[in-house]
Amino acid sequence: MLKAESIHKSYGQLHILKGVDLEVSKGEIVTIVGASGAGKSSLLNILGTLDKPDSGRIFINETEVSKLNNKNLSAFRNHKIGFIFQFHHLLVEFDALENVCIPAFIAGKPKQQAEKKAKELLDLLGLADRLKHKPNQLSGGEQQRVAVARALVNEPALIFADEPSGNLDSSNARELHELFVRLRDEFNQTFVIVTHNEDLAALSNRKILMKDGLIVQ
Protein backbone atom coordinates (compact mmCIF):
# COMPACT_ATOMS: atom_id res chain seq x y z
CA MET A 1 0.00 0.00 0.00
CA LEU A 2 2.87 2.38 0.83
CA LYS A 3 6.35 2.30 -0.65
CA ALA A 4 9.11 4.84 -0.12
CA GLU A 5 12.38 4.65 -2.02
CA SER A 6 15.60 6.42 -1.05
CA ILE A 7 14.00 9.40 0.71
CA HIS A 8 16.40 12.28 1.38
CA LYS A 9 15.54 15.54 3.11
CA SER A 10 17.67 18.45 4.28
CA TYR A 11 16.80 21.69 6.02
CA GLY A 12 19.63 24.10 5.28
CA GLN A 13 22.88 22.33 6.19
CA LEU A 14 21.06 19.74 8.30
CA HIS A 15 20.65 16.40 6.50
CA ILE A 16 17.58 14.95 8.25
CA LEU A 17 16.73 11.89 6.13
CA LYS A 18 19.60 10.03 4.47
CA GLY A 19 18.06 7.55 2.05
CA VAL A 20 15.09 5.92 3.78
CA ASP A 21 13.38 2.90 2.22
CA LEU A 22 10.09 1.67 3.65
CA GLU A 23 7.16 -0.55 2.68
CA VAL A 24 3.81 -0.89 4.48
CA SER A 25 1.13 -3.47 3.62
CA LYS A 26 -2.62 -3.01 3.91
CA GLY A 27 -3.99 -3.75 7.38
CA GLU A 28 -0.69 -3.18 9.20
CA ILE A 29 -0.02 -0.99 12.19
CA VAL A 30 3.57 0.15 11.74
CA THR A 31 5.16 2.22 14.48
CA ILE A 32 8.26 4.37 13.99
CA VAL A 33 10.37 4.86 17.09
CA GLY A 34 13.69 6.44 17.94
CA ALA A 35 15.30 9.28 19.85
CA SER A 36 14.28 12.90 19.31
CA GLY A 37 15.99 14.23 16.20
CA ALA A 38 16.17 10.82 14.50
CA GLY A 39 13.97 12.05 11.64
CA LYS A 40 10.71 10.29 12.57
CA SER A 41 8.30 13.22 12.21
CA SER A 42 10.07 14.49 9.10
CA LEU A 43 9.64 11.07 7.50
CA LEU A 44 5.98 10.90 8.55
CA ASN A 45 5.25 14.33 7.07
CA ILE A 46 6.87 13.32 3.78
CA LEU A 47 5.10 9.95 3.63
CA GLY A 48 1.83 11.74 4.34
CA THR A 49 2.53 14.29 1.56
CA LEU A 50 2.56 17.25 3.98
CA ASP A 51 6.17 17.88 2.95
CA LYS A 52 8.20 16.98 -0.13
CA PRO A 53 11.46 15.02 -0.18
CA ASP A 54 14.55 16.51 -1.79
CA SER A 55 14.90 13.24 -3.67
CA GLY A 56 13.35 9.79 -3.70
CA ARG A 57 9.93 8.41 -4.62
CA ILE A 58 6.72 7.66 -2.69
CA PHE A 59 3.93 5.39 -3.89
CA ILE A 60 0.52 5.02 -2.22
CA ASN A 61 -1.70 2.37 -3.79
CA GLU A 62 0.65 2.44 -6.80
CA THR A 63 0.16 6.19 -7.33
CA GLU A 64 3.50 8.00 -7.32
CA VAL A 65 2.40 10.84 -5.05
CA SER A 66 5.82 12.48 -5.15
CA LYS A 67 5.10 13.40 -8.80
CA LEU A 68 1.63 14.94 -8.30
CA ASN A 69 1.18 18.69 -8.70
CA ASN A 70 -0.15 20.67 -5.74
CA LYS A 71 -3.81 20.60 -6.82
CA ASN A 72 -3.88 16.85 -7.51
CA LEU A 73 -1.84 16.15 -4.39
CA SER A 74 -4.31 18.06 -2.21
CA ALA A 75 -7.22 16.11 -3.67
CA PHE A 76 -5.38 12.79 -3.24
CA ARG A 77 -4.49 13.64 0.37
CA ASN A 78 -8.06 14.55 1.26
CA HIS A 79 -9.51 11.35 -0.22
CA LYS A 80 -6.82 8.78 0.55
CA ILE A 81 -4.99 9.91 3.71
CA GLY A 82 -6.08 10.61 7.29
CA PHE A 83 -4.05 12.37 9.96
CA ILE A 84 -4.02 12.20 13.76
CA PHE A 85 -1.67 14.48 15.69
CA GLN A 86 -0.61 14.80 19.32
CA PHE A 87 -2.92 17.80 19.68
CA HIS A 88 -6.37 17.16 18.28
CA HIS A 89 -6.62 20.45 16.29
CA LEU A 90 -10.41 20.46 16.54
CA LEU A 91 -12.08 23.73 15.56
CA VAL A 92 -13.38 25.19 18.81
CA GLU A 93 -16.43 26.92 17.30
CA PHE A 94 -17.80 23.65 15.87
CA ASP A 95 -19.31 20.68 17.69
CA ALA A 96 -18.03 17.11 17.43
CA LEU A 97 -20.27 16.18 14.50
CA GLU A 98 -19.31 19.29 12.52
CA ASN A 99 -15.58 18.75 13.18
CA VAL A 100 -15.78 15.19 11.85
CA CYS A 101 -17.71 16.31 8.75
CA ILE A 102 -15.21 18.96 7.65
CA PRO A 103 -12.94 16.70 5.51
CA ALA A 104 -16.03 15.21 3.85
CA PHE A 105 -17.35 18.68 3.02
CA ILE A 106 -13.95 19.61 1.57
CA ALA A 107 -14.15 16.46 -0.57
CA GLY A 108 -17.48 17.70 -1.93
CA LYS A 109 -19.71 15.11 -0.27
CA PRO A 110 -23.37 16.07 0.32
CA LYS A 111 -24.23 17.22 3.85
CA GLN A 112 -26.60 14.32 4.52
CA GLN A 113 -24.04 11.73 3.41
CA ALA A 114 -21.23 13.36 5.41
CA GLU A 115 -23.31 13.59 8.58
CA LYS A 116 -24.49 9.97 8.26
CA LYS A 117 -20.90 8.72 8.03
CA ALA A 118 -19.75 11.03 10.85
CA LYS A 119 -22.53 9.81 13.14
CA GLU A 120 -21.66 6.18 12.38
CA LEU A 121 -18.03 6.81 13.30
CA LEU A 122 -18.79 8.75 16.46
CA ASP A 123 -21.16 5.98 17.53
CA LEU A 124 -18.47 3.39 16.80
CA LEU A 125 -16.03 5.35 18.97
CA GLY A 126 -18.47 5.63 21.87
CA LEU A 127 -19.41 9.26 21.31
CA ALA A 128 -23.01 8.94 20.12
CA ASP A 129 -24.20 11.11 23.03
CA ARG A 130 -21.56 13.81 22.41
CA LEU A 131 -22.42 14.85 18.85
CA LYS A 132 -23.40 18.40 19.75
CA HIS A 133 -20.65 18.98 22.31
CA LYS A 134 -17.93 21.46 21.42
CA PRO A 135 -14.29 20.58 22.09
CA ASN A 136 -14.15 22.47 25.41
CA GLN A 137 -17.05 20.29 26.61
CA LEU A 138 -15.17 17.06 25.90
CA SER A 139 -12.44 15.30 27.86
CA GLY A 140 -8.97 14.92 26.37
CA GLY A 141 -9.67 11.32 25.43
CA GLU A 142 -12.99 12.26 23.83
CA GLN A 143 -11.36 15.07 21.85
CA GLN A 144 -8.78 12.67 20.46
CA ARG A 145 -11.49 10.15 19.52
CA VAL A 146 -13.29 12.91 17.61
CA ALA A 147 -9.98 13.55 15.81
CA VAL A 148 -9.79 9.82 14.96
CA ALA A 149 -13.33 9.94 13.54
CA ARG A 150 -12.38 12.99 11.49
CA ALA A 151 -9.36 11.11 10.10
CA LEU A 152 -11.61 8.18 9.12
CA VAL A 153 -14.57 10.05 7.61
CA ASN A 154 -13.37 9.87 3.99
CA GLU A 155 -12.43 6.18 4.37
CA PRO A 156 -8.72 6.79 3.74
CA ALA A 157 -6.35 4.10 2.56
CA LEU A 158 -3.79 5.17 5.15
CA ILE A 159 -3.81 6.94 8.49
CA PHE A 160 -0.65 8.71 9.66
CA ALA A 161 -0.38 9.56 13.35
CA ASP A 162 2.29 11.63 15.09
CA GLU A 163 2.47 10.94 18.85
CA PRO A 164 -1.33 10.42 18.95
CA SER A 165 -1.39 9.54 22.65
CA GLY A 166 1.39 11.90 23.72
CA ASN A 167 -1.04 14.37 25.28
CA LEU A 168 -3.21 11.78 27.06
CA ASP A 169 -3.08 10.20 30.50
CA SER A 170 -2.29 6.48 30.70
CA SER A 171 -5.94 5.35 30.78
CA ASN A 172 -7.00 7.40 27.77
CA ALA A 173 -3.80 6.45 25.93
CA ARG A 174 -4.53 2.76 26.46
CA GLU A 175 -8.10 3.20 25.17
CA LEU A 176 -6.79 4.99 22.07
CA HIS A 177 -4.21 2.28 21.40
CA GLU A 178 -6.88 -0.42 21.72
CA LEU A 179 -9.04 1.55 19.30
CA PHE A 180 -6.29 1.49 16.66
CA VAL A 181 -6.02 -2.30 17.02
CA ARG A 182 -9.81 -2.64 16.76
CA LEU A 183 -9.90 -0.54 13.59
CA ARG A 184 -7.13 -2.67 12.09
CA ASP A 185 -8.80 -5.95 13.04
CA GLU A 186 -12.38 -5.03 12.09
CA PHE A 187 -11.82 -2.76 9.07
CA ASN A 188 -8.32 -3.71 7.88
CA GLN A 189 -7.28 -0.09 8.46
CA THR A 190 -3.62 0.73 7.87
CA PHE A 191 -1.68 2.95 10.28
CA VAL A 192 1.81 4.46 10.28
CA ILE A 193 2.46 5.91 13.72
CA VAL A 194 5.37 7.87 15.18
CA THR A 195 5.45 7.27 18.93
CA HIS A 196 7.57 7.25 22.05
CA ASN A 197 4.97 5.06 23.77
CA GLU A 198 6.36 1.56 24.22
CA ASP A 199 2.90 0.09 24.90
CA LEU A 200 1.64 1.32 21.52
CA ALA A 201 4.79 0.11 19.78
CA ALA A 202 4.29 -3.32 21.34
CA LEU A 203 0.77 -3.56 19.88
CA SER A 204 1.91 -2.85 16.32
CA ASN A 205 2.60 -5.38 13.60
CA ARG A 206 6.07 -3.95 13.08
CA LYS A 207 8.25 -1.52 14.99
CA ILE A 208 10.75 0.46 12.94
CA LEU A 209 13.71 2.04 14.71
CA MET A 210 15.21 5.23 13.27
CA LYS A 211 18.58 6.71 14.16
CA ASP A 212 20.37 9.67 12.57
CA GLY A 213 18.02 9.85 9.58
CA LEU A 214 18.07 6.16 8.71
CA ILE A 215 16.04 3.06 9.52
CA VAL A 216 18.42 0.86 11.51
CA GLN A 217 16.09 -1.93 12.61
C-alpha atoms as a PDB file:
ATOM      1  CA  MET A   1       0.000   0.000   0.000  1.00  0.00           C
ATOM      2  CA  LEU A   2       2.869   2.383   0.829  1.00  0.00           C
ATOM      3  CA  LYS A   3       6.347   2.300  -0.653  1.00  0.00           C
ATOM      4  CA  ALA A   4       9.108   4.843  -0.122  1.00  0.00           C
ATOM      5  CA  GLU A   5      12.381   4.650  -2.018  1.00  0.00           C
ATOM      6  CA  SER A   6      15.601   6.419  -1.048  1.00  0.00           C
ATOM      7  CA  ILE A   7      14.004   9.400   0.705  1.00  0.00           C
ATOM      8  CA  HIS A   8      16.398  12.280   1.379  1.00  0.00           C
ATOM      9  CA  LYS A   9      15.539  15.539   3.114  1.00  0.00           C
ATOM     10  CA  SER A  10      17.670  18.445   4.284  1.00  0.00           C
ATOM     11  CA  TYR A  11      16.802  21.693   6.019  1.00  0.00           C
ATOM     12  CA  GLY A  12      19.633  24.098   5.282  1.00  0.00           C
ATOM     13  CA  GLN A  13      22.878  22.331   6.192  1.00  0.00           C
ATOM     14  CA  LEU A  14      21.059  19.739   8.302  1.00  0.00           C
ATOM     15  CA  HIS A  15      20.647  16.405   6.501  1.00  0.00           C
ATOM     16  CA  ILE A  16      17.575  14.954   8.247  1.00  0.00           C
ATOM     17  CA  LEU A  17      16.734  11.889   6.130  1.00  0.00           C
ATOM     18  CA  LYS A  18      19.595  10.032   4.473  1.00  0.00           C
ATOM     19  CA  GLY A  19      18.056   7.551   2.053  1.00  0.00           C
ATOM     20  CA  VAL A  20      15.087   5.924   3.781  1.00  0.00           C
ATOM     21  CA  ASP A  21      13.379   2.896   2.217  1.00  0.00           C
ATOM     22  CA  LEU A  22      10.087   1.667   3.650  1.00  0.00           C
ATOM     23  CA  GLU A  23       7.159  -0.547   2.678  1.00  0.00           C
ATOM     24  CA  VAL A  24       3.815  -0.895   4.477  1.00  0.00           C
ATOM     25  CA  SER A  25       1.132  -3.466   3.624  1.00  0.00           C
ATOM     26  CA  LYS A  26      -2.620  -3.007   3.911  1.00  0.00           C
ATOM     27  CA  GLY A  27      -3.990  -3.746   7.381  1.00  0.00           C
ATOM     28  CA  GLU A  28      -0.692  -3.184   9.196  1.00  0.00           C
ATOM     29  CA  ILE A  29      -0.025  -0.987  12.186  1.00  0.00           C
ATOM     30  CA  VAL A  30       3.570   0.149  11.740  1.00  0.00           C
ATOM     31  CA  THR A  31       5.159   2.224  14.485  1.00  0.00           C
ATOM     32  CA  ILE A  32       8.257   4.369  13.992  1.00  0.00           C
ATOM     33  CA  VAL A  33      10.366   4.856  17.095  1.00  0.00           C
ATOM     34  CA  GLY A  34      13.692   6.440  17.939  1.00  0.00           C
ATOM     35  CA  ALA A  35      15.295   9.278  19.852  1.00  0.00           C
ATOM     36  CA  SER A  36      14.275  12.896  19.307  1.00  0.00           C
ATOM     37  CA  GLY A  37      15.989  14.232  16.198  1.00  0.00           C
ATOM     38  CA  ALA A  38      16.168  10.821  14.498  1.00  0.00           C
ATOM     39  CA  GLY A  39      13.967  12.053  11.643  1.00  0.00           C
ATOM     40  CA  LYS A  40      10.710  10.294  12.574  1.00  0.00           C
ATOM     41  CA  SER A  41       8.299  13.216  12.207  1.00  0.00           C
ATOM     42  CA  SER A  42      10.073  14.486   9.104  1.00  0.00           C
ATOM     43  CA  LEU A  43       9.639  11.068   7.505  1.00  0.00           C
ATOM     44  CA  LEU A  44       5.982  10.895   8.545  1.00  0.00           C
ATOM     45  CA  ASN A  45       5.247  14.330   7.066  1.00  0.00           C
ATOM     46  CA  ILE A  46       6.869  13.317   3.782  1.00  0.00           C
ATOM     47  CA  LEU A  47       5.101   9.948   3.634  1.00  0.00           C
ATOM     48  CA  GLY A  48       1.826  11.741   4.343  1.00  0.00           C
ATOM     49  CA  THR A  49       2.530  14.292   1.556  1.00  0.00           C
ATOM     50  CA  LEU A  50       2.560  17.247   3.984  1.00  0.00           C
ATOM     51  CA  ASP A  51       6.175  17.880   2.946  1.00  0.00           C
ATOM     52  CA  LYS A  52       8.205  16.980  -0.130  1.00  0.00           C
ATOM     53  CA  PRO A  53      11.459  15.020  -0.183  1.00  0.00           C
ATOM     54  CA  ASP A  54      14.553  16.509  -1.790  1.00  0.00           C
ATOM     55  CA  SER A  55      14.904  13.236  -3.671  1.00  0.00           C
ATOM     56  CA  GLY A  56      13.347   9.793  -3.695  1.00  0.00           C
ATOM     57  CA  ARG A  57       9.926   8.411  -4.620  1.00  0.00           C
ATOM     58  CA  ILE A  58       6.721   7.658  -2.686  1.00  0.00           C
ATOM     59  CA  PHE A  59       3.935   5.390  -3.887  1.00  0.00           C
ATOM     60  CA  ILE A  60       0.522   5.019  -2.223  1.00  0.00           C
ATOM     61  CA  ASN A  61      -1.700   2.366  -3.791  1.00  0.00           C
ATOM     62  CA  GLU A  62       0.650   2.443  -6.805  1.00  0.00           C
ATOM     63  CA  THR A  63       0.161   6.192  -7.334  1.00  0.00           C
ATOM     64  CA  GLU A  64       3.499   8.001  -7.318  1.00  0.00           C
ATOM     65  CA  VAL A  65       2.402  10.839  -5.050  1.00  0.00           C
ATOM     66  CA  SER A  66       5.821  12.478  -5.152  1.00  0.00           C
ATOM     67  CA  LYS A  67       5.098  13.405  -8.797  1.00  0.00           C
ATOM     68  CA  LEU A  68       1.632  14.941  -8.302  1.00  0.00           C
ATOM     69  CA  ASN A  69       1.183  18.686  -8.703  1.00  0.00           C
ATOM     70  CA  ASN A  70      -0.153  20.666  -5.743  1.00  0.00           C
ATOM     71  CA  LYS A  71      -3.808  20.596  -6.823  1.00  0.00           C
ATOM     72  CA  ASN A  72      -3.884  16.852  -7.513  1.00  0.00           C
ATOM     73  CA  LEU A  73      -1.844  16.145  -4.394  1.00  0.00           C
ATOM     74  CA  SER A  74      -4.307  18.063  -2.207  1.00  0.00           C
ATOM     75  CA  ALA A  75      -7.216  16.109  -3.675  1.00  0.00           C
ATOM     76  CA  PHE A  76      -5.377  12.792  -3.239  1.00  0.00           C
ATOM     77  CA  ARG A  77      -4.491  13.644   0.366  1.00  0.00           C
ATOM     78  CA  ASN A  78      -8.064  14.550   1.256  1.00  0.00           C
ATOM     79  CA  HIS A  79      -9.505  11.346  -0.221  1.00  0.00           C
ATOM     80  CA  LYS A  80      -6.817   8.779   0.553  1.00  0.00           C
ATOM     81  CA  ILE A  81      -4.993   9.905   3.711  1.00  0.00           C
ATOM     82  CA  GLY A  82      -6.077  10.605   7.286  1.00  0.00           C
ATOM     83  CA  PHE A  83      -4.046  12.369   9.965  1.00  0.00           C
ATOM     84  CA  ILE A  84      -4.016  12.203  13.758  1.00  0.00           C
ATOM     85  CA  PHE A  85      -1.671  14.479  15.694  1.00  0.00           C
ATOM     86  CA  GLN A  86      -0.609  14.801  19.319  1.00  0.00           C
ATOM     87  CA  PHE A  87      -2.921  17.798  19.675  1.00  0.00           C
ATOM     88  CA  HIS A  88      -6.374  17.161  18.277  1.00  0.00           C
ATOM     89  CA  HIS A  89      -6.618  20.448  16.290  1.00  0.00           C
ATOM     90  CA  LEU A  90     -10.412  20.460  16.539  1.00  0.00           C
ATOM     91  CA  LEU A  91     -12.081  23.730  15.561  1.00  0.00           C
ATOM     92  CA  VAL A  92     -13.381  25.194  18.810  1.00  0.00           C
ATOM     93  CA  GLU A  93     -16.429  26.920  17.303  1.00  0.00           C
ATOM     94  CA  PHE A  94     -17.804  23.645  15.867  1.00  0.00           C
ATOM     95  CA  ASP A  95     -19.315  20.681  17.688  1.00  0.00           C
ATOM     96  CA  ALA A  96     -18.027  17.107  17.428  1.00  0.00           C
ATOM     97  CA  LEU A  97     -20.270  16.180  14.504  1.00  0.00           C
ATOM     98  CA  GLU A  98     -19.307  19.289  12.517  1.00  0.00           C
ATOM     99  CA  ASN A  99     -15.582  18.749  13.175  1.00  0.00           C
ATOM    100  CA  VAL A 100     -15.781  15.193  11.850  1.00  0.00           C
ATOM    101  CA  CYS A 101     -17.712  16.307   8.753  1.00  0.00           C
ATOM    102  CA  ILE A 102     -15.210  18.963   7.648  1.00  0.00           C
ATOM    103  CA  PRO A 103     -12.937  16.698   5.512  1.00  0.00           C
ATOM    104  CA  ALA A 104     -16.031  15.213   3.852  1.00  0.00           C
ATOM    105  CA  PHE A 105     -17.351  18.684   3.023  1.00  0.00           C
ATOM    106  CA  ILE A 106     -13.950  19.610   1.570  1.00  0.00           C
ATOM    107  CA  ALA A 107     -14.151  16.461  -0.568  1.00  0.00           C
ATOM    108  CA  GLY A 108     -17.483  17.705  -1.931  1.00  0.00           C
ATOM    109  CA  LYS A 109     -19.709  15.112  -0.275  1.00  0.00           C
ATOM    110  CA  PRO A 110     -23.372  16.066   0.320  1.00  0.00           C
ATOM    111  CA  LYS A 111     -24.234  17.224   3.855  1.00  0.00           C
ATOM    112  CA  GLN A 112     -26.600  14.325   4.521  1.00  0.00           C
ATOM    113  CA  GLN A 113     -24.036  11.729   3.410  1.00  0.00           C
ATOM    114  CA  ALA A 114     -21.226  13.363   5.406  1.00  0.00           C
ATOM    115  CA  GLU A 115     -23.310  13.592   8.579  1.00  0.00           C
ATOM    116  CA  LYS A 116     -24.493   9.974   8.258  1.00  0.00           C
ATOM    117  CA  LYS A 117     -20.900   8.724   8.028  1.00  0.00           C
ATOM    118  CA  ALA A 118     -19.749  11.026  10.848  1.00  0.00           C
ATOM    119  CA  LYS A 119     -22.534   9.805  13.143  1.00  0.00           C
ATOM    120  CA  GLU A 120     -21.658   6.178  12.381  1.00  0.00           C
ATOM    121  CA  LEU A 121     -18.028   6.806  13.301  1.00  0.00           C
ATOM    122  CA  LEU A 122     -18.793   8.750  16.465  1.00  0.00           C
ATOM    123  CA  ASP A 123     -21.163   5.980  17.527  1.00  0.00           C
ATOM    124  CA  LEU A 124     -18.466   3.385  16.802  1.00  0.00           C
ATOM    125  CA  LEU A 125     -16.033   5.350  18.967  1.00  0.00           C
ATOM    126  CA  GLY A 126     -18.467   5.627  21.873  1.00  0.00           C
ATOM    127  CA  LEU A 127     -19.408   9.262  21.313  1.00  0.00           C
ATOM    128  CA  ALA A 128     -23.012   8.944  20.119  1.00  0.00           C
ATOM    129  CA  ASP A 129     -24.198  11.113  23.030  1.00  0.00           C
ATOM    130  CA  ARG A 130     -21.558  13.813  22.414  1.00  0.00           C
ATOM    131  CA  LEU A 131     -22.419  14.845  18.845  1.00  0.00           C
ATOM    132  CA  LYS A 132     -23.397  18.403  19.754  1.00  0.00           C
ATOM    133  CA  HIS A 133     -20.649  18.984  22.310  1.00  0.00           C
ATOM    134  CA  LYS A 134     -17.933  21.461  21.422  1.00  0.00           C
ATOM    135  CA  PRO A 135     -14.286  20.583  22.087  1.00  0.00           C
ATOM    136  CA  ASN A 136     -14.154  22.470  25.406  1.00  0.00           C
ATOM    137  CA  GLN A 137     -17.054  20.291  26.612  1.00  0.00           C
ATOM    138  CA  LEU A 138     -15.165  17.064  25.895  1.00  0.00           C
ATOM    139  CA  SER A 139     -12.437  15.300  27.861  1.00  0.00           C
ATOM    140  CA  GLY A 140      -8.968  14.923  26.371  1.00  0.00           C
ATOM    141  CA  GLY A 141      -9.667  11.321  25.426  1.00  0.00           C
ATOM    142  CA  GLU A 142     -12.987  12.262  23.833  1.00  0.00           C
ATOM    143  CA  GLN A 143     -11.361  15.070  21.851  1.00  0.00           C
ATOM    144  CA  GLN A 144      -8.785  12.667  20.464  1.00  0.00           C
ATOM    145  CA  ARG A 145     -11.487  10.149  19.517  1.00  0.00           C
ATOM    146  CA  VAL A 146     -13.289  12.913  17.607  1.00  0.00           C
ATOM    147  CA  ALA A 147      -9.983  13.545  15.813  1.00  0.00           C
ATOM    148  CA  VAL A 148      -9.786   9.822  14.963  1.00  0.00           C
ATOM    149  CA  ALA A 149     -13.330   9.935  13.539  1.00  0.00           C
ATOM    150  CA  ARG A 150     -12.380  12.989  11.493  1.00  0.00           C
ATOM    151  CA  ALA A 151      -9.364  11.105  10.103  1.00  0.00           C
ATOM    152  CA  LEU A 152     -11.614   8.185   9.118  1.00  0.00           C
ATOM    153  CA  VAL A 153     -14.574  10.052   7.614  1.00  0.00           C
ATOM    154  CA  ASN A 154     -13.369   9.874   3.995  1.00  0.00           C
ATOM    155  CA  GLU A 155     -12.435   6.180   4.372  1.00  0.00           C
ATOM    156  CA  PRO A 156      -8.723   6.793   3.739  1.00  0.00           C
ATOM    157  CA  ALA A 157      -6.352   4.102   2.562  1.00  0.00           C
ATOM    158  CA  LEU A 158      -3.791   5.171   5.151  1.00  0.00           C
ATOM    159  CA  ILE A 159      -3.808   6.944   8.489  1.00  0.00           C
ATOM    160  CA  PHE A 160      -0.653   8.708   9.657  1.00  0.00           C
ATOM    161  CA  ALA A 161      -0.383   9.555  13.350  1.00  0.00           C
ATOM    162  CA  ASP A 162       2.293  11.629  15.092  1.00  0.00           C
ATOM    163  CA  GLU A 163       2.470  10.944  18.847  1.00  0.00           C
ATOM    164  CA  PRO A 164      -1.327  10.425  18.947  1.00  0.00           C
ATOM    165  CA  SER A 165      -1.390   9.543  22.649  1.00  0.00           C
ATOM    166  CA  GLY A 166       1.392  11.901  23.716  1.00  0.00           C
ATOM    167  CA  ASN A 167      -1.036  14.365  25.280  1.00  0.00           C
ATOM    168  CA  LEU A 168      -3.214  11.777  27.061  1.00  0.00           C
ATOM    169  CA  ASP A 169      -3.083  10.199  30.498  1.00  0.00           C
ATOM    170  CA  SER A 170      -2.292   6.485  30.696  1.00  0.00           C
ATOM    171  CA  SER A 171      -5.941   5.351  30.784  1.00  0.00           C
ATOM    172  CA  ASN A 172      -7.005   7.400  27.770  1.00  0.00           C
ATOM    173  CA  ALA A 173      -3.802   6.453  25.933  1.00  0.00           C
ATOM    174  CA  ARG A 174      -4.534   2.760  26.458  1.00  0.00           C
ATOM    175  CA  GLU A 175      -8.097   3.195  25.170  1.00  0.00           C
ATOM    176  CA  LEU A 176      -6.790   4.990  22.067  1.00  0.00           C
ATOM    177  CA  HIS A 177      -4.213   2.281  21.396  1.00  0.00           C
ATOM    178  CA  GLU A 178      -6.877  -0.424  21.724  1.00  0.00           C
ATOM    179  CA  LEU A 179      -9.043   1.552  19.298  1.00  0.00           C
ATOM    180  CA  PHE A 180      -6.292   1.486  16.658  1.00  0.00           C
ATOM    181  CA  VAL A 181      -6.023  -2.298  17.017  1.00  0.00           C
ATOM    182  CA  ARG A 182      -9.806  -2.637  16.761  1.00  0.00           C
ATOM    183  CA  LEU A 183      -9.899  -0.537  13.588  1.00  0.00           C
ATOM    184  CA  ARG A 184      -7.132  -2.669  12.088  1.00  0.00           C
ATOM    185  CA  ASP A 185      -8.800  -5.951  13.039  1.00  0.00           C
ATOM    186  CA  GLU A 186     -12.381  -5.026  12.086  1.00  0.00           C
ATOM    187  CA  PHE A 187     -11.817  -2.762   9.071  1.00  0.00           C
ATOM    188  CA  ASN A 188      -8.320  -3.712   7.884  1.00  0.00           C
ATOM    189  CA  GLN A 189      -7.284  -0.086   8.463  1.00  0.00           C
ATOM    190  CA  THR A 190      -3.624   0.733   7.868  1.00  0.00           C
ATOM    191  CA  PHE A 191      -1.676   2.951  10.283  1.00  0.00           C
ATOM    192  CA  VAL A 192       1.810   4.460  10.278  1.00  0.00           C
ATOM    193  CA  ILE A 193       2.462   5.912  13.722  1.00  0.00           C
ATOM    194  CA  VAL A 194       5.369   7.868  15.185  1.00  0.00           C
ATOM    195  CA  THR A 195       5.454   7.268  18.929  1.00  0.00           C
ATOM    196  CA  HIS A 196       7.573   7.249  22.050  1.00  0.00           C
ATOM    197  CA  ASN A 197       4.972   5.065  23.767  1.00  0.00           C
ATOM    198  CA  GLU A 198       6.357   1.558  24.217  1.00  0.00           C
ATOM    199  CA  ASP A 199       2.901   0.090  24.896  1.00  0.00           C
ATOM    200  CA  LEU A 200       1.639   1.320  21.520  1.00  0.00           C
ATOM    201  CA  ALA A 201       4.787   0.109  19.780  1.00  0.00           C
ATOM    202  CA  ALA A 202       4.290  -3.323  21.345  1.00  0.00           C
ATOM    203  CA  LEU A 203       0.765  -3.562  19.876  1.00  0.00           C
ATOM    204  CA  SER A 204       1.908  -2.846  16.321  1.00  0.00           C
ATOM    205  CA  ASN A 205       2.596  -5.385  13.602  1.00  0.00           C
ATOM    206  CA  ARG A 206       6.071  -3.951  13.084  1.00  0.00           C
ATOM    207  CA  LYS A 207       8.254  -1.521  14.994  1.00  0.00           C
ATOM    208  CA  ILE A 208      10.752   0.456  12.935  1.00  0.00           C
ATOM    209  CA  LEU A 209      13.709   2.045  14.706  1.00  0.00           C
ATOM    210  CA  MET A 210      15.209   5.225  13.274  1.00  0.00           C
ATOM    211  CA  LYS A 211      18.581   6.708  14.159  1.00  0.00           C
ATOM    212  CA  ASP A 212      20.367   9.672  12.574  1.00  0.00           C
ATOM    213  CA  GLY A 213      18.023   9.855   9.584  1.00  0.00           C
ATOM    214  CA  LEU A 214      18.072   6.158   8.709  1.00  0.00           C
ATOM    215  CA  ILE A 215      16.043   3.055   9.518  1.00  0.00           C
ATOM    216  CA  VAL A 216      18.416   0.863  11.505  1.00  0.00           C
ATOM    217  CA  GLN A 217      16.086  -1.930  12.605  1.00  0.00           C
END
